[in-house]
Amino acid sequence: MVFEKIQTGILIVDPETHMIMDANPIAESMIGLPKGKLVGHVCHDFVCPAHCGQCPITDLHKSIENTERLLINAKGEKVPILKTVAKASMNGKDYLVESFIDIRDQKRAEDRKIALIAYMGESVMRVNKPLEITKNNLQDIAAHVTSGEYDAEDIRMQIQIQANNIDKMSGNLRELLEKVSKEQEEIPEEFRQFFTGK
């Protein structure tokens, strides 16, 4: 019952021949083939694309526990999985029990995070230079005020110019953030809300 109902793909593999002896429904679904077409095939064809004689478990004597691997489904697509292999004895014979879960969503989330960090970094760089210029301009205005070169109207006009510059920078940044949050579906909802303020 556990074998049939567990939400993890499981294959029972003969360690000597590497033939698949059994597969549960989740393994069938992830690979895209019914058990009848999986049994008798070597596991290398699907969940461990290693060359013959280079099996990590039986040939290289490595342990696989929550290790990222690729599953090759019936369409030839490479699906990232988290795989664990355990040895088990059934009816006096040793087998490999290969269990795996689909981690495509996790990989997409990682890619989204990297993309968002890169985007925010680029946005900061775009805004940083104009801010430096505005800061220098304001310092220049302050120096002129101290020296008495500017009267009240000059000061008001210069400050208004810098305020307008800051407003433009703020508007450009809001526009960039809103554009990204609307057009790129891969941005998580919490970031979308942060970008748009909604």
N, C-alpha and C. Protein backbone atom coordinates (compact mmCIF):
# COMPACT_ATOMS: atom_id res chain seq x y z
N MET A 1 0.82 -1.20 0.00
CA MET A 1 0.00 0.00 0.00
C MET A 1 0.87 1.26 0.00
N VAL A 2 1.92 1.26 0.82
CA VAL A 2 2.84 2.41 0.84
C VAL A 2 3.49 2.59 -0.52
N PHE A 3 3.94 1.49 -1.12
CA PHE A 3 4.57 1.52 -2.43
C PHE A 3 3.65 2.14 -3.47
N GLU A 4 2.38 1.83 -3.40
CA GLU A 4 1.43 2.30 -4.39
C GLU A 4 0.98 3.74 -4.12
N LYS A 5 0.86 4.12 -2.84
CA LYS A 5 0.25 5.40 -2.50
C LYS A 5 1.23 6.54 -2.22
N ILE A 6 2.48 6.21 -1.90
CA ILE A 6 3.44 7.26 -1.54
C ILE A 6 3.64 8.22 -2.70
N GLN A 7 3.77 9.50 -2.39
CA GLN A 7 3.91 10.53 -3.42
C GLN A 7 5.37 10.74 -3.82
N THR A 8 6.05 9.64 -4.01
CA THR A 8 7.46 9.64 -4.42
C THR A 8 7.63 8.55 -5.47
N GLY A 9 8.37 8.84 -6.52
CA GLY A 9 8.63 7.81 -7.52
C GLY A 9 9.56 6.75 -6.95
N ILE A 10 9.21 5.48 -7.14
CA ILE A 10 10.05 4.39 -6.63
C ILE A 10 10.24 3.35 -7.72
N LEU A 11 11.49 2.95 -7.91
CA LEU A 11 11.83 1.85 -8.80
C LEU A 11 12.57 0.79 -8.01
N ILE A 12 12.25 -0.46 -8.25
CA ILE A 12 13.00 -1.57 -7.68
C ILE A 12 13.92 -2.08 -8.78
N VAL A 13 15.23 -2.09 -8.51
CA VAL A 13 16.22 -2.39 -9.55
C VAL A 13 17.10 -3.57 -9.11
N ASP A 14 17.35 -4.46 -10.05
CA ASP A 14 18.27 -5.57 -9.82
C ASP A 14 19.69 -5.03 -9.91
N PRO A 15 20.49 -5.08 -8.82
CA PRO A 15 21.84 -4.49 -8.83
C PRO A 15 22.81 -5.20 -9.78
N GLU A 16 22.51 -6.44 -10.13
CA GLU A 16 23.42 -7.18 -11.01
C GLU A 16 23.19 -6.83 -12.48
N THR A 17 21.94 -6.72 -12.87
CA THR A 17 21.63 -6.45 -14.29
C THR A 17 21.23 -5.01 -14.54
N HIS A 18 20.92 -4.30 -13.45
CA HIS A 18 20.41 -2.92 -13.51
C HIS A 18 19.05 -2.85 -14.20
N MET A 19 18.36 -3.98 -14.26
CA MET A 19 17.04 -4.01 -14.84
C MET A 19 16.00 -3.53 -13.81
N ILE A 20 15.02 -2.79 -14.30
CA ILE A 20 13.91 -2.36 -13.45
C ILE A 20 12.99 -3.55 -13.24
N MET A 21 12.73 -3.87 -11.98
CA MET A 21 11.89 -5.01 -11.63
C MET A 21 10.46 -4.59 -11.27
N ASP A 22 10.32 -3.36 -10.80
CA ASP A 22 8.99 -2.88 -10.41
C ASP A 22 9.03 -1.36 -10.38
N ALA A 23 7.85 -0.76 -10.50
CA ALA A 23 7.74 0.70 -10.47
C ALA A 23 6.40 1.07 -9.86
N ASN A 24 6.38 2.11 -9.06
CA ASN A 24 5.11 2.53 -8.47
C ASN A 24 4.43 3.56 -9.39
N PRO A 25 3.17 3.91 -9.12
CA PRO A 25 2.42 4.82 -10.00
C PRO A 25 3.08 6.18 -10.20
N ILE A 26 3.71 6.73 -9.16
CA ILE A 26 4.35 8.04 -9.31
C ILE A 26 5.54 7.94 -10.27
N ALA A 27 6.30 6.85 -10.18
CA ALA A 27 7.42 6.66 -11.12
C ALA A 27 6.89 6.54 -12.54
N GLU A 28 5.79 5.81 -12.71
CA GLU A 28 5.18 5.67 -14.04
C GLU A 28 4.79 7.05 -14.58
N SER A 29 4.15 7.85 -13.72
CA SER A 29 3.68 9.17 -14.13
C SER A 29 4.84 10.09 -14.50
N MET A 30 5.89 10.10 -13.67
CA MET A 30 7.02 11.00 -13.91
C MET A 30 7.79 10.60 -15.16
N ILE A 31 7.93 9.30 -15.39
CA ILE A 31 8.66 8.84 -16.57
C ILE A 31 7.78 8.89 -17.81
N GLY A 32 6.48 8.72 -17.60
CA GLY A 32 5.56 8.80 -18.72
C GLY A 32 5.35 7.47 -19.43
N LEU A 33 5.62 6.38 -18.72
CA LEU A 33 5.43 5.04 -19.28
C LEU A 33 4.77 4.15 -18.23
N PRO A 34 3.92 3.22 -18.66
CA PRO A 34 3.32 2.29 -17.71
C PRO A 34 4.36 1.28 -17.22
N LYS A 35 4.05 0.67 -16.09
CA LYS A 35 4.97 -0.28 -15.48
C LYS A 35 5.40 -1.37 -16.47
N GLY A 36 4.47 -1.83 -17.30
CA GLY A 36 4.78 -2.89 -18.25
C GLY A 36 5.88 -2.53 -19.22
N LYS A 37 6.04 -1.22 -19.50
CA LYS A 37 7.08 -0.79 -20.42
C LYS A 37 8.36 -0.35 -19.70
N LEU A 38 8.28 -0.28 -18.37
CA LEU A 38 9.47 0.06 -17.58
C LEU A 38 10.21 -1.20 -17.13
N VAL A 39 9.44 -2.18 -16.69
CA VAL A 39 10.04 -3.42 -16.19
C VAL A 39 10.81 -4.09 -17.33
N GLY A 40 12.05 -4.46 -17.02
CA GLY A 40 12.90 -5.11 -18.03
C GLY A 40 13.86 -4.15 -18.70
N HIS A 41 13.63 -2.84 -18.53
CA HIS A 41 14.57 -1.85 -19.06
C HIS A 41 15.64 -1.56 -18.01
N VAL A 42 16.82 -1.18 -18.46
CA VAL A 42 17.86 -0.81 -17.50
C VAL A 42 17.55 0.56 -16.93
N CYS A 43 17.88 0.75 -15.67
CA CYS A 43 17.57 2.01 -15.00
C CYS A 43 18.30 3.19 -15.64
N HIS A 44 19.46 2.91 -16.29
CA HIS A 44 20.23 3.98 -16.93
C HIS A 44 19.40 4.73 -17.97
N ASP A 45 18.40 4.04 -18.51
CA ASP A 45 17.59 4.68 -19.55
C ASP A 45 16.74 5.82 -19.02
N PHE A 46 16.50 5.83 -17.70
CA PHE A 46 15.55 6.80 -17.16
C PHE A 46 16.10 7.65 -16.02
N VAL A 47 16.49 6.99 -14.92
CA VAL A 47 16.78 7.77 -13.71
C VAL A 47 18.25 7.91 -13.39
N CYS A 48 19.10 7.31 -14.16
CA CYS A 48 20.53 7.42 -13.87
C CYS A 48 21.29 7.33 -15.19
N PRO A 49 21.31 8.41 -15.96
CA PRO A 49 21.94 8.36 -17.28
C PRO A 49 23.46 8.21 -17.21
N ALA A 50 23.91 7.10 -16.62
CA ALA A 50 25.34 6.81 -16.53
C ALA A 50 25.68 5.76 -17.58
N HIS A 51 26.93 5.72 -17.97
CA HIS A 51 27.36 4.72 -18.93
C HIS A 51 27.46 3.35 -18.26
N CYS A 52 27.31 2.33 -19.06
CA CYS A 52 27.42 0.96 -18.53
C CYS A 52 28.77 0.79 -17.86
N GLY A 53 28.77 0.21 -16.66
CA GLY A 53 30.01 0.02 -15.92
C GLY A 53 30.37 1.20 -15.05
N GLN A 54 29.52 2.25 -15.05
CA GLN A 54 29.80 3.43 -14.24
C GLN A 54 28.64 3.76 -13.31
N CYS A 55 27.93 2.74 -12.89
CA CYS A 55 26.83 2.97 -11.94
C CYS A 55 27.41 3.50 -10.64
N PRO A 56 26.90 4.63 -10.16
CA PRO A 56 27.44 5.21 -8.92
C PRO A 56 27.36 4.26 -7.73
N ILE A 57 26.34 3.40 -7.71
CA ILE A 57 26.14 2.51 -6.56
C ILE A 57 26.96 1.22 -6.68
N THR A 58 26.73 0.46 -7.76
CA THR A 58 27.34 -0.87 -7.85
C THR A 58 28.77 -0.84 -8.40
N ASP A 59 29.10 0.14 -9.24
CA ASP A 59 30.44 0.17 -9.84
C ASP A 59 31.38 1.13 -9.12
N LEU A 60 30.86 2.30 -8.79
CA LEU A 60 31.72 3.32 -8.16
C LEU A 60 31.58 3.32 -6.64
N HIS A 61 30.66 2.52 -6.12
CA HIS A 61 30.47 2.34 -4.67
C HIS A 61 30.24 3.66 -3.94
N LYS A 62 29.43 4.49 -4.54
CA LYS A 62 29.07 5.75 -3.90
C LYS A 62 27.67 5.62 -3.28
N SER A 63 27.40 6.48 -2.33
CA SER A 63 26.05 6.51 -1.76
C SER A 63 25.29 7.67 -2.39
N ILE A 64 24.02 7.44 -2.61
CA ILE A 64 23.17 8.49 -3.16
C ILE A 64 22.04 8.73 -2.19
N GLU A 65 22.05 9.87 -1.56
CA GLU A 65 21.02 10.22 -0.59
C GLU A 65 20.66 11.68 -0.78
N ASN A 66 19.42 11.93 -1.22
CA ASN A 66 18.97 13.29 -1.51
C ASN A 66 19.96 14.02 -2.42
N THR A 67 20.31 13.35 -3.49
CA THR A 67 21.28 13.89 -4.45
C THR A 67 20.55 14.33 -5.71
N GLU A 68 20.94 15.49 -6.24
CA GLU A 68 20.31 15.98 -7.47
C GLU A 68 20.78 15.14 -8.65
N ARG A 69 19.82 14.66 -9.41
CA ARG A 69 20.09 13.89 -10.61
C ARG A 69 19.08 14.30 -11.68
N LEU A 70 19.22 13.72 -12.86
CA LEU A 70 18.27 13.98 -13.94
C LEU A 70 17.49 12.73 -14.27
N LEU A 71 16.20 12.89 -14.46
CA LEU A 71 15.35 11.82 -14.92
C LEU A 71 15.07 12.09 -16.40
N ILE A 72 15.20 11.07 -17.22
CA ILE A 72 14.88 11.20 -18.64
C ILE A 72 13.51 10.58 -18.85
N ASN A 73 12.52 11.42 -19.18
CA ASN A 73 11.18 10.86 -19.34
C ASN A 73 10.98 10.30 -20.75
N ALA A 74 9.78 9.79 -21.00
CA ALA A 74 9.50 9.13 -22.27
C ALA A 74 9.63 10.07 -23.46
N LYS A 75 9.50 11.38 -23.21
CA LYS A 75 9.62 12.36 -24.29
C LYS A 75 11.08 12.77 -24.52
N GLY A 76 11.98 12.21 -23.71
CA GLY A 76 13.38 12.58 -23.83
C GLY A 76 13.74 13.84 -23.07
N GLU A 77 12.78 14.37 -22.28
CA GLU A 77 13.03 15.58 -21.50
C GLU A 77 13.84 15.25 -20.25
N LYS A 78 14.70 16.16 -19.86
CA LYS A 78 15.50 15.99 -18.65
C LYS A 78 14.81 16.71 -17.50
N VAL A 79 14.40 15.94 -16.52
CA VAL A 79 13.67 16.47 -15.37
C VAL A 79 14.57 16.41 -14.14
N PRO A 80 14.83 17.55 -13.48
CA PRO A 80 15.65 17.51 -12.26
C PRO A 80 14.91 16.80 -11.13
N ILE A 81 15.60 15.89 -10.48
CA ILE A 81 15.00 15.14 -9.38
C ILE A 81 15.96 15.11 -8.20
N LEU A 82 15.39 14.84 -7.04
CA LEU A 82 16.18 14.59 -5.84
C LEU A 82 16.05 13.10 -5.58
N LYS A 83 17.19 12.40 -5.61
CA LYS A 83 17.15 10.94 -5.62
C LYS A 83 17.88 10.34 -4.42
N THR A 84 17.32 9.23 -3.94
CA THR A 84 17.95 8.44 -2.88
C THR A 84 17.91 6.98 -3.30
N VAL A 85 19.01 6.29 -3.07
CA VAL A 85 19.07 4.86 -3.39
C VAL A 85 19.42 4.10 -2.11
N ALA A 86 18.62 3.08 -1.82
CA ALA A 86 18.86 2.24 -0.64
C ALA A 86 18.89 0.79 -1.08
N LYS A 87 19.69 0.00 -0.37
CA LYS A 87 19.73 -1.44 -0.65
C LYS A 87 18.72 -2.14 0.24
N ALA A 88 18.05 -3.12 -0.34
CA ALA A 88 17.05 -3.87 0.42
C ALA A 88 17.08 -5.33 -0.01
N SER A 89 16.76 -6.20 0.91
CA SER A 89 16.72 -7.63 0.62
C SER A 89 15.28 -8.10 0.65
N MET A 90 14.85 -8.73 -0.45
CA MET A 90 13.48 -9.24 -0.54
C MET A 90 13.52 -10.67 -1.06
N ASN A 91 12.90 -11.58 -0.32
CA ASN A 91 12.87 -13.00 -0.69
C ASN A 91 14.27 -13.56 -0.91
N GLY A 92 15.21 -13.12 -0.06
CA GLY A 92 16.56 -13.63 -0.12
C GLY A 92 17.43 -13.04 -1.22
N LYS A 93 16.94 -12.04 -1.94
CA LYS A 93 17.73 -11.42 -3.00
C LYS A 93 17.87 -9.93 -2.73
N ASP A 94 19.05 -9.39 -3.05
CA ASP A 94 19.30 -7.97 -2.84
C ASP A 94 18.79 -7.15 -4.03
N TYR A 95 18.23 -5.99 -3.70
CA TYR A 95 17.72 -5.07 -4.71
C TYR A 95 18.14 -3.65 -4.35
N LEU A 96 18.06 -2.78 -5.33
CA LEU A 96 18.23 -1.34 -5.10
C LEU A 96 16.85 -0.71 -5.15
N VAL A 97 16.55 0.07 -4.13
CA VAL A 97 15.29 0.81 -4.11
C VAL A 97 15.62 2.26 -4.41
N GLU A 98 15.24 2.69 -5.60
CA GLU A 98 15.53 4.06 -6.03
C GLU A 98 14.28 4.90 -5.85
N SER A 99 14.37 5.91 -5.02
CA SER A 99 13.24 6.82 -4.81
C SER A 99 13.63 8.21 -5.26
N PHE A 100 12.68 8.93 -5.82
CA PHE A 100 13.00 10.25 -6.35
C PHE A 100 11.76 11.14 -6.36
N ILE A 101 12.02 12.45 -6.24
CA ILE A 101 10.95 13.44 -6.30
C ILE A 101 11.31 14.49 -7.34
N ASP A 102 10.30 15.03 -7.95
CA ASP A 102 10.45 16.08 -8.97
C ASP A 102 10.78 17.40 -8.27
N ILE A 103 11.89 18.02 -8.65
CA ILE A 103 12.26 19.30 -8.02
C ILE A 103 12.27 20.44 -9.03
N ARG A 104 11.47 20.30 -10.09
CA ARG A 104 11.41 21.38 -11.08
C ARG A 104 10.93 22.69 -10.46
N ASP A 105 9.94 22.62 -9.57
CA ASP A 105 9.43 23.85 -8.95
C ASP A 105 10.50 24.53 -8.11
N GLN A 106 11.27 23.72 -7.37
CA GLN A 106 12.35 24.30 -6.57
C GLN A 106 13.41 24.95 -7.45
N LYS A 107 13.73 24.28 -8.57
CA LYS A 107 14.74 24.83 -9.48
C LYS A 107 14.24 26.13 -10.11
N ARG A 108 12.95 26.17 -10.45
CA ARG A 108 12.39 27.40 -11.00
C ARG A 108 12.44 28.52 -9.96
N ALA A 109 12.14 28.18 -8.71
CA ALA A 109 12.19 29.18 -7.64
C ALA A 109 13.60 29.72 -7.47
N GLU A 110 14.58 28.83 -7.56
CA GLU A 110 15.98 29.28 -7.46
C GLU A 110 16.32 30.21 -8.62
N ASP A 111 15.87 29.85 -9.82
CA ASP A 111 16.14 30.69 -10.99
C ASP A 111 15.45 32.05 -10.85
N ARG A 112 14.22 32.04 -10.32
CA ARG A 112 13.51 33.31 -10.11
C ARG A 112 14.27 34.19 -9.13
N LYS A 113 14.76 33.57 -8.06
CA LYS A 113 15.48 34.33 -7.04
C LYS A 113 16.73 34.97 -7.64
N ILE A 114 17.47 34.19 -8.43
CA ILE A 114 18.69 34.71 -9.07
C ILE A 114 18.35 35.85 -10.02
N ALA A 115 17.26 35.67 -10.80
CA ALA A 115 16.85 36.70 -11.76
C ALA A 115 16.45 37.99 -11.03
N LEU A 116 15.72 37.83 -9.92
CA LEU A 116 15.29 39.01 -9.16
C LEU A 116 16.47 39.74 -8.54
N ILE A 117 17.42 38.99 -8.01
CA ILE A 117 18.61 39.62 -7.42
C ILE A 117 19.38 40.38 -8.50
N ALA A 118 19.51 39.75 -9.68
CA ALA A 118 20.23 40.40 -10.78
C ALA A 118 19.49 41.67 -11.22
N TYR A 119 18.17 41.57 -11.31
CA TYR A 119 17.38 42.73 -11.73
C TYR A 119 17.50 43.88 -10.73
N MET A 120 17.38 43.54 -9.45
CA MET A 120 17.49 44.58 -8.44
C MET A 120 18.87 45.21 -8.44
N GLY A 121 19.91 44.38 -8.66
CA GLY A 121 21.27 44.91 -8.75
C GLY A 121 21.41 45.88 -9.90
N GLU A 122 20.83 45.53 -11.05
CA GLU A 122 20.91 46.41 -12.21
C GLU A 122 20.15 47.71 -11.96
N SER A 123 18.98 47.59 -11.31
CA SER A 123 18.19 48.79 -11.01
C SER A 123 18.94 49.74 -10.08
N VAL A 124 19.62 49.17 -9.08
CA VAL A 124 20.40 49.99 -8.16
C VAL A 124 21.51 50.72 -8.90
N MET A 125 22.17 50.00 -9.82
CA MET A 125 23.25 50.63 -10.58
C MET A 125 22.73 51.77 -11.46
N ARG A 126 21.54 51.57 -12.04
CA ARG A 126 20.96 52.61 -12.89
C ARG A 126 20.60 53.87 -12.12
N VAL A 127 20.19 53.70 -10.87
CA VAL A 127 19.77 54.83 -10.06
C VAL A 127 20.93 55.46 -9.31
N ASN A 128 21.94 54.68 -9.02
CA ASN A 128 23.04 55.14 -8.17
C ASN A 128 23.77 56.36 -8.75
N LYS A 129 24.07 56.31 -10.06
CA LYS A 129 24.84 57.40 -10.67
C LYS A 129 24.07 58.72 -10.66
N PRO A 130 22.79 58.73 -11.11
CA PRO A 130 22.03 59.98 -11.02
C PRO A 130 21.92 60.50 -9.59
N LEU A 131 21.80 59.59 -8.62
CA LEU A 131 21.74 60.03 -7.23
C LEU A 131 23.03 60.70 -6.79
N GLU A 132 24.16 60.15 -7.23
CA GLU A 132 25.46 60.76 -6.91
C GLU A 132 25.55 62.16 -7.49
N ILE A 133 25.09 62.29 -8.74
CA ILE A 133 25.13 63.61 -9.38
C ILE A 133 24.25 64.59 -8.63
N THR A 134 23.04 64.14 -8.25
CA THR A 134 22.13 65.02 -7.51
C THR A 134 22.73 65.40 -6.16
N LYS A 135 23.34 64.45 -5.49
CA LYS A 135 23.98 64.75 -4.20
C LYS A 135 25.07 65.80 -4.37
N ASN A 136 25.89 65.63 -5.41
CA ASN A 136 26.96 66.61 -5.67
C ASN A 136 26.39 67.99 -5.99
N ASN A 137 25.28 68.01 -6.75
CA ASN A 137 24.65 69.29 -7.08
C ASN A 137 24.12 69.98 -5.83
N LEU A 138 23.52 69.18 -4.93
CA LEU A 138 23.00 69.77 -3.69
C LEU A 138 24.14 70.30 -2.81
N GLN A 139 25.25 69.57 -2.80
CA GLN A 139 26.41 70.05 -2.04
C GLN A 139 26.96 71.34 -2.65
N ASP A 140 26.91 71.41 -3.98
CA ASP A 140 27.37 72.62 -4.67
C ASP A 140 26.46 73.80 -4.34
N ILE A 141 25.16 73.53 -4.29
CA ILE A 141 24.21 74.59 -3.92
C ILE A 141 24.48 75.07 -2.50
N ALA A 142 24.71 74.11 -1.61
CA ALA A 142 24.99 74.47 -0.21
C ALA A 142 26.24 75.35 -0.13
N ALA A 143 27.25 75.03 -0.93
CA ALA A 143 28.48 75.82 -0.92
C ALA A 143 28.21 77.24 -1.41
N HIS A 144 27.39 77.34 -2.47
CA HIS A 144 27.07 78.68 -3.00
C HIS A 144 26.25 79.49 -2.01
N VAL A 145 25.35 78.82 -1.26
CA VAL A 145 24.56 79.51 -0.25
C VAL A 145 25.49 80.08 0.83
N THR A 146 26.44 79.27 1.26
CA THR A 146 27.39 79.71 2.29
C THR A 146 28.21 80.91 1.82
N SER A 147 28.58 80.89 0.56
CA SER A 147 29.41 81.98 0.03
C SER A 147 28.60 83.22 -0.28
N GLY A 148 27.27 83.09 -0.27
CA GLY A 148 26.43 84.24 -0.54
C GLY A 148 26.23 84.51 -2.02
N GLU A 149 26.62 83.59 -2.90
CA GLU A 149 26.49 83.80 -4.35
C GLU A 149 25.06 83.67 -4.83
N TYR A 150 24.22 82.91 -4.12
CA TYR A 150 22.84 82.71 -4.53
C TYR A 150 21.91 83.52 -3.65
N ASP A 151 20.92 84.19 -4.29
CA ASP A 151 19.88 84.82 -3.49
C ASP A 151 18.77 83.79 -3.27
N ALA A 152 17.73 84.18 -2.57
CA ALA A 152 16.66 83.25 -2.20
C ALA A 152 16.00 82.61 -3.42
N GLU A 153 15.77 83.39 -4.47
CA GLU A 153 15.12 82.86 -5.66
C GLU A 153 16.02 81.85 -6.38
N ASP A 154 17.34 82.14 -6.44
CA ASP A 154 18.29 81.19 -7.04
C ASP A 154 18.28 79.86 -6.28
N ILE A 155 18.29 79.98 -4.96
CA ILE A 155 18.29 78.77 -4.13
C ILE A 155 17.02 77.96 -4.36
N ARG A 156 15.86 78.66 -4.37
CA ARG A 156 14.59 77.97 -4.59
C ARG A 156 14.58 77.26 -5.94
N MET A 157 15.08 77.93 -6.97
CA MET A 157 15.07 77.37 -8.31
C MET A 157 16.01 76.15 -8.42
N GLN A 158 17.19 76.25 -7.83
CA GLN A 158 18.15 75.15 -7.87
C GLN A 158 17.65 73.93 -7.10
N ILE A 159 17.04 74.18 -5.95
CA ILE A 159 16.49 73.07 -5.17
C ILE A 159 15.34 72.41 -5.92
N GLN A 160 14.50 73.22 -6.58
CA GLN A 160 13.39 72.67 -7.34
C GLN A 160 13.88 71.79 -8.49
N ILE A 161 14.96 72.22 -9.14
CA ILE A 161 15.55 71.41 -10.22
C ILE A 161 15.99 70.05 -9.70
N GLN A 162 16.65 70.05 -8.55
CA GLN A 162 17.12 68.78 -7.99
C GLN A 162 15.95 67.92 -7.52
N ALA A 163 14.91 68.56 -6.99
CA ALA A 163 13.72 67.82 -6.57
C ALA A 163 13.06 67.16 -7.79
N ASN A 164 13.02 67.88 -8.90
CA ASN A 164 12.47 67.31 -10.14
C ASN A 164 13.30 66.12 -10.62
N ASN A 165 14.62 66.25 -10.51
CA ASN A 165 15.50 65.15 -10.91
C ASN A 165 15.23 63.90 -10.06
N ILE A 166 15.09 64.10 -8.74
CA ILE A 166 14.82 62.98 -7.85
C ILE A 166 13.47 62.36 -8.19
N ASP A 167 12.48 63.20 -8.49
CA ASP A 167 11.15 62.70 -8.84
C ASP A 167 11.20 61.85 -10.11
N LYS A 168 12.00 62.28 -11.09
CA LYS A 168 12.15 61.52 -12.33
C LYS A 168 12.81 60.16 -12.07
N MET A 169 13.84 60.16 -11.23
CA MET A 169 14.51 58.90 -10.90
C MET A 169 13.55 57.95 -10.20
N SER A 170 12.77 58.49 -9.27
CA SER A 170 11.82 57.68 -8.55
C SER A 170 10.76 57.12 -9.49
N GLY A 171 10.30 57.96 -10.41
CA GLY A 171 9.30 57.52 -11.38
C GLY A 171 9.84 56.44 -12.31
N ASN A 172 11.08 56.62 -12.76
CA ASN A 172 11.69 55.61 -13.64
C ASN A 172 11.83 54.27 -12.94
N LEU A 173 12.23 54.33 -11.67
CA LEU A 173 12.39 53.09 -10.91
C LEU A 173 11.04 52.40 -10.71
N ARG A 174 10.00 53.19 -10.38
CA ARG A 174 8.67 52.60 -10.21
C ARG A 174 8.18 51.97 -11.51
N GLU A 175 8.46 52.66 -12.63
CA GLU A 175 8.04 52.13 -13.93
C GLU A 175 8.75 50.82 -14.26
N LEU A 176 10.05 50.76 -13.98
CA LEU A 176 10.80 49.53 -14.24
C LEU A 176 10.27 48.38 -13.39
N LEU A 177 10.06 48.65 -12.13
CA LEU A 177 9.59 47.61 -11.23
C LEU A 177 8.20 47.13 -11.61
N GLU A 178 7.33 48.07 -11.98
CA GLU A 178 5.97 47.69 -12.34
C GLU A 178 5.96 46.89 -13.64
N LYS A 179 6.80 47.29 -14.58
CA LYS A 179 6.89 46.57 -15.86
C LYS A 179 7.32 45.12 -15.64
N VAL A 180 8.34 44.94 -14.82
CA VAL A 180 8.83 43.59 -14.55
C VAL A 180 7.78 42.77 -13.82
N SER A 181 7.12 43.36 -12.84
CA SER A 181 6.15 42.61 -12.04
C SER A 181 4.93 42.21 -12.86
N LYS A 182 4.60 42.96 -13.90
CA LYS A 182 3.42 42.65 -14.72
C LYS A 182 3.75 41.67 -15.83
N GLU A 183 4.92 41.81 -16.44
CA GLU A 183 5.21 41.06 -17.65
C GLU A 183 5.92 39.75 -17.41
N GLN A 184 6.55 39.58 -16.28
CA GLN A 184 7.29 38.34 -16.03
C GLN A 184 6.54 37.49 -15.02
N GLU A 185 5.92 36.43 -15.53
CA GLU A 185 5.10 35.58 -14.69
C GLU A 185 5.90 34.84 -13.62
N GLU A 186 7.23 34.73 -13.84
CA GLU A 186 8.01 33.94 -12.91
C GLU A 186 8.28 34.67 -11.60
N ILE A 187 7.92 35.95 -11.50
CA ILE A 187 8.17 36.69 -10.26
C ILE A 187 7.15 36.26 -9.19
N PRO A 188 7.62 35.82 -8.05
CA PRO A 188 6.72 35.37 -6.98
C PRO A 188 5.76 36.48 -6.55
N GLU A 189 4.59 36.09 -6.09
CA GLU A 189 3.54 37.05 -5.73
C GLU A 189 4.01 38.03 -4.67
N GLU A 190 4.80 37.55 -3.69
CA GLU A 190 5.24 38.47 -2.63
C GLU A 190 6.13 39.58 -3.17
N PHE A 191 6.96 39.24 -4.19
CA PHE A 191 7.80 40.26 -4.81
C PHE A 191 6.94 41.19 -5.67
N ARG A 192 5.94 40.61 -6.34
CA ARG A 192 5.04 41.41 -7.16
C ARG A 192 4.35 42.47 -6.30
N GLN A 193 3.89 42.05 -5.13
CA GLN A 193 3.22 42.98 -4.22
C GLN A 193 4.20 44.06 -3.74
N PHE A 194 5.45 43.64 -3.50
CA PHE A 194 6.45 44.61 -3.05
C PHE A 194 6.73 45.64 -4.13
N PHE A 195 6.83 45.16 -5.39
CA PHE A 195 7.13 46.06 -6.51
C PHE A 195 6.01 47.07 -6.74
N THR A 196 4.76 46.59 -6.76
CA THR A 196 3.65 47.43 -7.15
C THR A 196 3.00 48.14 -5.97
N GLY A 197 3.29 47.69 -4.74
CA GLY A 197 2.67 48.28 -3.57
C GLY A 197 1.23 47.89 -3.41
N LYS A 198 0.80 46.79 -4.13
CA LYS A 198 -0.60 46.35 -4.07
C LYS A 198 -0.67 44.96 -3.45
